Amino acid sequence: MNLTENKKIEYWKSQLLDTGKRNKMINYRETTRATLKIVAPGLDELYANYVQNESELTFQYPLDKNTDIRTYSVLRLFDKLSCPINVFLGDIKVATSFQESKKTLKNLRNKSKLALEEQGTNILYLSLGFIEWQENHGSRHTWIKSPLVLVPVSLTVESLNAPFKLLRFDDDVVVNPTLQHLLSADYGIELPSFDPDKDTVENYLQTLEEIADKKGWRIIREASIGLLSFLKINMYKDLENNIENISNKLKYIKTFLKFKKMLPDNTNEERFCIIAGAKSCCSCNRQKC
């Protein structure tokens, strides 16, 4: 590959990568409607139930008369005595109120569903564990929070008043690929691999703490659901893994254009294929012109 071709490929790669702070894969910021922080269960329990056991998990919702009329009547009595007791059912407890979380879950479901229909890609992920890091040491530099283990998820709700459920989306559990590239390219840090079937999230975070401590960074044991997209990083990896193949195709294209410039403008396509010595001609759909 010559210098010009290499520059072109490097330019294409740079256009596919987004390692800026606007990308949530690098700078994960909790927002009102685009993310939802999970308080309980803990990381390992959540991962075991949801990923390894493939259990369907329900977001907590308040008990009402339609759920358990007897318990609801007792709670109403305590409410009248100015001693209210809030009882919630479900597997997943979040950091916001039920009404706020319901709005957020609805927004996450709608946007992820739209992306799947229009782009054919899932953008809803459960982030397990975060790393807080700084571009350079010093109190003046702000801390950046990046997700580590990413689990593809989907949300469903059976009816208007039914609780939201967290379902497993059929895709791989991965370590944040954009963060992996940034740390490798800028800091020479290679994040260890994560085996979804054998590893636990806690053991993986403990391994990362050894790396983070050397840089003065921090590992945060939190879970959050949010909209993430690393379609471009996958395209970047495909480009990187097929550089030799791309280089060969560029040579064919150059040869094609070189022959075409040498021919008169009125040369028909079949004649061109014969002169160029092409083995096949796409437009005439024959093995040999």
Protein backbone atom coordinates (compact mmCIF):
# COMPACT_ATOMS: atom_id res chain seq x y z
CA MET A 1 0.00 0.00 0.00
CA ASN A 2 1.42 3.38 -1.00
CA LEU A 3 1.39 6.53 1.11
CA THR A 4 -1.65 8.03 -0.63
CA GLU A 5 -3.78 4.92 -0.12
CA ASN A 6 -2.72 4.70 3.52
CA LYS A 7 -3.72 8.32 4.10
CA LYS A 8 -7.12 7.70 2.54
CA ILE A 9 -7.79 4.68 4.74
CA GLU A 10 -6.62 6.53 7.85
CA TYR A 11 -8.98 9.37 6.94
CA TRP A 12 -11.90 6.95 6.55
CA LYS A 13 -11.06 5.40 9.92
CA SER A 14 -10.90 8.80 11.62
CA GLN A 15 -14.34 9.67 10.22
CA LEU A 16 -15.85 6.50 11.68
CA LEU A 17 -14.50 7.02 15.18
CA ASP A 18 -16.15 9.32 17.68
CA THR A 19 -14.04 9.53 20.80
CA GLY A 20 -15.27 13.01 21.73
CA LYS A 21 -17.04 13.89 24.95
CA ARG A 22 -20.41 14.14 23.20
CA ASN A 23 -20.38 10.39 22.67
CA LYS A 24 -21.96 8.54 25.62
CA MET A 25 -19.67 5.60 24.96
CA ILE A 26 -16.90 7.89 26.21
CA ASN A 27 -18.66 10.46 28.38
CA TYR A 28 -21.72 8.81 29.92
CA ARG A 29 -23.98 11.41 31.49
CA GLU A 30 -27.21 10.61 33.29
CA THR A 31 -30.08 12.54 31.70
CA THR A 32 -33.77 12.69 32.48
CA ARG A 33 -35.15 10.75 29.54
CA ALA A 34 -32.18 9.08 27.81
CA THR A 35 -30.77 7.09 30.75
CA LEU A 36 -32.14 5.33 33.83
CA LYS A 37 -29.94 4.42 36.78
CA ILE A 38 -30.61 1.06 38.44
CA VAL A 39 -30.33 0.90 42.23
CA ALA A 40 -31.11 -2.78 42.80
CA PRO A 41 -30.32 -5.62 42.35
CA GLY A 42 -26.53 -5.49 42.48
CA LEU A 43 -24.34 -5.93 39.41
CA ASP A 44 -23.64 -9.66 39.76
CA GLU A 45 -27.20 -10.55 40.69
CA LEU A 46 -28.56 -8.47 37.86
CA TYR A 47 -26.13 -10.00 35.38
CA ALA A 48 -26.75 -13.57 36.57
CA ASN A 49 -30.54 -13.29 36.47
CA TYR A 50 -30.81 -11.32 33.28
CA VAL A 51 -27.92 -12.54 31.10
CA GLN A 52 -26.89 -15.99 32.31
CA ASN A 53 -30.31 -17.24 33.44
CA GLU A 54 -32.11 -15.21 30.73
CA SER A 55 -34.86 -14.27 33.19
CA GLU A 56 -37.47 -11.70 32.30
CA LEU A 57 -37.15 -8.83 34.81
CA THR A 58 -39.88 -6.37 35.74
CA PHE A 59 -39.34 -2.77 36.79
CA GLN A 60 -40.83 -2.02 40.17
CA TYR A 61 -44.36 -0.65 40.30
CA PRO A 62 -46.59 0.36 43.25
CA LEU A 63 -49.03 -2.15 44.67
CA ASP A 64 -52.66 -1.23 43.94
CA LYS A 65 -56.10 -2.71 44.50
CA ASN A 66 -55.93 -4.62 41.24
CA THR A 67 -52.75 -6.38 42.38
CA ASP A 68 -53.70 -7.43 45.92
CA ILE A 69 -56.94 -6.02 47.32
CA ARG A 70 -56.32 -7.21 50.90
CA THR A 71 -52.83 -5.78 51.19
CA TYR A 72 -53.99 -2.62 49.46
CA SER A 73 -56.80 -2.19 52.03
CA VAL A 74 -54.32 -2.48 54.90
CA LEU A 75 -52.03 0.08 53.30
CA ARG A 76 -54.95 2.46 52.84
CA LEU A 77 -55.67 2.13 56.53
CA PHE A 78 -52.11 3.11 57.42
CA ASP A 79 -52.42 6.01 55.00
CA LYS A 80 -55.50 7.30 56.81
CA LEU A 81 -53.60 7.05 60.11
CA SER A 82 -50.93 9.35 58.66
CA CYS A 83 -48.44 6.49 58.55
CA PRO A 84 -48.17 5.80 54.80
CA ILE A 85 -46.28 2.72 53.69
CA ASN A 86 -45.14 2.43 50.09
CA VAL A 87 -45.01 -1.11 48.75
CA PHE A 88 -43.53 -1.87 45.34
CA LEU A 89 -43.53 -5.08 43.36
CA GLY A 90 -41.03 -6.10 40.70
CA ASP A 91 -37.36 -6.99 40.23
CA ILE A 92 -35.60 -3.76 39.27
CA LYS A 93 -35.48 -0.69 41.48
CA VAL A 94 -34.47 2.58 39.85
CA ALA A 95 -33.21 5.90 41.20
CA THR A 96 -36.24 7.98 40.18
CA SER A 97 -39.90 7.95 41.14
CA PHE A 98 -42.32 5.52 39.54
CA GLN A 99 -43.99 8.18 37.38
CA GLU A 100 -40.68 9.62 36.18
CA SER A 101 -39.19 6.20 35.46
CA LYS A 102 -42.31 5.26 33.51
CA LYS A 103 -41.84 8.30 31.25
CA THR A 104 -38.16 7.51 30.77
CA LEU A 105 -38.79 3.84 30.00
CA LYS A 106 -41.44 4.81 27.47
CA ASN A 107 -39.01 7.17 25.75
CA LEU A 108 -36.22 4.59 25.73
CA ARG A 109 -38.54 1.95 24.30
CA ASN A 110 -39.88 4.23 21.56
CA LYS A 111 -36.47 5.50 20.42
CA SER A 112 -34.81 2.09 20.46
CA LYS A 113 -37.74 0.59 18.56
CA LEU A 114 -37.54 3.35 15.94
CA ALA A 115 -33.78 2.84 15.48
CA LEU A 116 -34.28 -0.89 15.08
CA GLU A 117 -36.98 -0.37 12.44
CA GLU A 118 -35.20 2.36 10.47
CA GLN A 119 -31.52 1.42 10.87
CA GLY A 120 -31.74 -2.26 11.71
CA THR A 121 -29.54 -1.81 14.78
CA ASN A 122 -30.18 -1.93 18.51
CA ILE A 123 -29.15 1.17 20.48
CA LEU A 124 -30.52 0.26 23.94
CA TYR A 125 -27.92 -1.12 26.36
CA LEU A 126 -27.56 -2.01 29.98
CA SER A 127 -24.22 -0.63 31.19
CA LEU A 128 -22.62 -2.59 34.01
CA GLY A 129 -19.75 -0.84 35.74
CA PHE A 130 -18.07 2.44 34.83
CA ILE A 131 -14.57 3.84 34.85
CA GLU A 132 -13.94 7.44 35.87
CA TRP A 133 -10.79 8.78 34.28
CA GLN A 134 -8.99 11.99 33.39
CA GLU A 135 -7.27 12.92 30.15
CA ASN A 136 -4.38 14.32 32.20
CA HIS A 137 -3.56 14.38 35.89
CA GLY A 138 -4.44 17.45 37.89
CA SER A 139 -7.38 18.97 39.72
CA ARG A 140 -8.25 21.26 36.79
CA HIS A 141 -9.10 18.37 34.51
CA THR A 142 -12.66 17.09 34.77
CA TRP A 143 -13.46 13.46 35.38
CA ILE A 144 -14.93 11.48 32.49
CA LYS A 145 -17.25 8.56 33.18
CA SER A 146 -17.32 5.73 30.62
CA PRO A 147 -19.38 2.50 30.64
CA LEU A 148 -17.53 -0.82 30.66
CA VAL A 149 -19.62 -3.97 30.12
CA LEU A 150 -22.47 -3.42 27.65
CA VAL A 151 -25.48 -5.74 27.51
CA PRO A 152 -27.98 -5.31 24.64
CA VAL A 153 -31.54 -5.09 25.95
CA SER A 154 -35.11 -4.40 24.89
CA LEU A 155 -38.13 -3.06 26.73
CA THR A 156 -41.70 -4.24 26.49
CA VAL A 157 -45.00 -3.34 28.12
CA GLU A 158 -48.21 -5.33 27.72
CA SER A 159 -50.70 -2.54 28.33
CA LEU A 160 -50.94 1.12 29.30
CA ASN A 161 -50.98 0.43 33.05
CA ALA A 162 -48.78 -2.66 33.02
CA PRO A 163 -45.18 -2.52 34.31
CA PHE A 164 -42.26 -2.34 31.92
CA LYS A 165 -40.21 -5.49 31.44
CA LEU A 166 -36.55 -5.88 30.56
CA LEU A 167 -35.92 -8.49 27.88
CA ARG A 168 -32.67 -9.87 26.49
CA PHE A 169 -31.87 -8.65 23.00
CA ASP A 170 -30.24 -11.29 20.81
CA ASP A 171 -26.76 -9.81 20.49
CA ASP A 172 -23.35 -10.15 22.12
CA VAL A 173 -22.35 -8.81 25.52
CA VAL A 174 -19.24 -6.70 24.91
CA VAL A 175 -16.70 -4.50 26.59
CA ASN A 176 -17.15 -0.89 25.40
CA PRO A 177 -15.37 -1.00 21.99
CA THR A 178 -15.03 2.77 21.62
CA LEU A 179 -13.40 3.07 25.04
CA GLN A 180 -11.15 0.11 24.21
CA HIS A 181 -9.87 1.89 21.11
CA LEU A 182 -9.36 5.23 22.87
CA LEU A 183 -7.41 3.76 25.80
CA SER A 184 -5.31 1.61 23.47
CA ALA A 185 -4.52 4.41 20.99
CA ASP A 186 -3.98 7.27 23.46
CA TYR A 187 -2.71 5.55 26.62
CA GLY A 188 -1.39 2.17 25.51
CA ILE A 189 -3.87 0.46 27.84
CA GLU A 190 -5.42 -2.81 26.68
CA LEU A 191 -8.65 -3.64 28.48
CA PRO A 192 -8.92 -7.35 29.36
CA SER A 193 -11.53 -9.46 27.58
CA PHE A 194 -14.79 -10.42 29.26
CA ASP A 195 -16.27 -13.91 28.91
CA PRO A 196 -20.07 -13.54 29.21
CA ASP A 197 -20.52 -17.22 30.15
CA LYS A 198 -17.73 -17.62 32.69
CA ASP A 199 -16.82 -14.23 34.16
CA THR A 200 -18.71 -12.26 36.79
CA VAL A 201 -18.98 -8.50 36.56
CA GLU A 202 -17.41 -8.05 40.01
CA ASN A 203 -14.33 -10.13 39.15
CA TYR A 204 -13.92 -8.21 35.91
CA LEU A 205 -14.15 -4.86 37.70
CA GLN A 206 -11.59 -6.02 40.25
CA THR A 207 -9.19 -6.80 37.39
CA LEU A 208 -9.79 -3.33 35.95
CA GLU A 209 -9.14 -1.71 39.33
CA GLU A 210 -5.52 -2.85 39.12
CA ILE A 211 -5.20 -0.93 35.84
CA ALA A 212 -7.16 2.10 37.07
CA ASP A 213 -5.17 2.44 40.31
CA LYS A 214 -1.93 2.86 38.38
CA LYS A 215 -3.38 5.87 36.57
CA GLY A 216 -5.21 7.33 39.57
CA TRP A 217 -8.58 6.50 38.01
CA ARG A 218 -11.65 4.98 39.65
CA ILE A 219 -13.96 2.02 38.99
CA ILE A 220 -17.63 2.76 39.75
CA ARG A 221 -19.99 -0.12 40.53
CA GLU A 222 -23.20 1.19 38.98
CA ALA A 223 -25.75 -0.02 36.46
CA SER A 224 -27.70 2.10 34.01
CA ILE A 225 -29.91 1.68 30.95
CA GLY A 226 -29.35 4.11 28.12
CA LEU A 227 -29.26 4.76 24.39
CA LEU A 228 -25.86 3.94 22.91
CA SER A 229 -24.73 3.34 19.37
CA PHE A 230 -21.44 1.86 18.23
CA LEU A 231 -22.38 1.02 14.67
CA LYS A 232 -19.48 3.17 13.43
CA ILE A 233 -16.92 1.46 15.65
CA ASN A 234 -17.96 -1.88 14.13
CA MET A 235 -17.49 -0.39 10.67
CA TYR A 236 -14.09 0.88 11.83
CA LYS A 237 -13.04 -2.62 12.92
CA ASP A 238 -14.22 -4.10 9.63
CA LEU A 239 -12.14 -1.52 7.80
CA GLU A 240 -9.11 -2.21 9.97
CA ASN A 241 -9.40 -5.99 9.57
CA ASN A 242 -9.74 -5.77 5.78
CA ILE A 243 -7.05 -3.24 4.89
CA GLU A 244 -5.21 -5.65 2.58
CA ASN A 245 -8.41 -6.59 0.77
CA ILE A 246 -9.37 -2.91 0.39
CA SER A 247 -5.90 -2.11 -0.95
CA ASN A 248 -6.25 -4.79 -3.62
CA LYS A 249 -9.66 -3.49 -4.65
CA LEU A 250 -8.25 0.03 -4.91
CA LYS A 251 -5.68 -1.31 -7.37
CA TYR A 252 -8.44 -2.84 -9.50
CA ILE A 253 -10.37 0.43 -9.47
CA LYS A 254 -7.27 2.36 -10.53
CA THR A 255 -6.66 -0.10 -13.38
CA PHE A 256 -10.28 0.19 -14.44
CA LEU A 257 -10.16 4.01 -14.50
CA LYS A 258 -6.80 4.01 -16.29
CA PHE A 259 -8.16 1.88 -19.16
CA LYS A 260 -11.34 3.91 -19.35
CA LYS A 261 -9.45 7.19 -19.78
CA MET A 262 -7.47 5.70 -22.67
CA LEU A 263 -10.60 4.85 -24.67
CA PRO A 264 -12.62 7.11 -26.96
CA ASP A 265 -15.84 8.48 -25.51
CA ASN A 266 -17.99 6.49 -27.94
CA THR A 267 -16.56 3.09 -26.89
CA ASN A 268 -19.42 0.85 -25.83
CA GLU A 269 -19.33 -1.13 -22.62
CA GLU A 270 -18.86 -4.55 -24.23
CA ARG A 271 -15.93 -3.28 -26.27
CA PHE A 272 -14.42 -1.76 -23.13
CA CYS A 273 -14.58 -5.09 -21.27
CA ILE A 274 -12.76 -6.84 -24.09
CA ILE A 275 -9.99 -4.22 -24.24
CA ALA A 276 -9.58 -4.14 -20.44
CA GLY A 277 -9.36 -7.93 -20.35
CA ALA A 278 -12.10 -8.19 -17.77
CA LYS A 279 -13.14 -11.69 -16.70
CA SER A 280 -16.68 -10.59 -16.01
CA CYS A 281 -18.87 -7.64 -16.77
CA CYS A 282 -21.44 -6.69 -14.15
CA SER A 283 -23.68 -4.67 -16.43
CA CYS A 284 -24.03 -7.33 -19.12
CA ASN A 285 -24.17 -10.08 -16.46
CA ARG A 286 -22.01 -12.55 -18.42
CA GLN A 287 -19.00 -14.53 -17.26
CA LYS A 288 -16.95 -13.29 -20.21
CA CYS A 289 -17.73 -10.43 -22.57
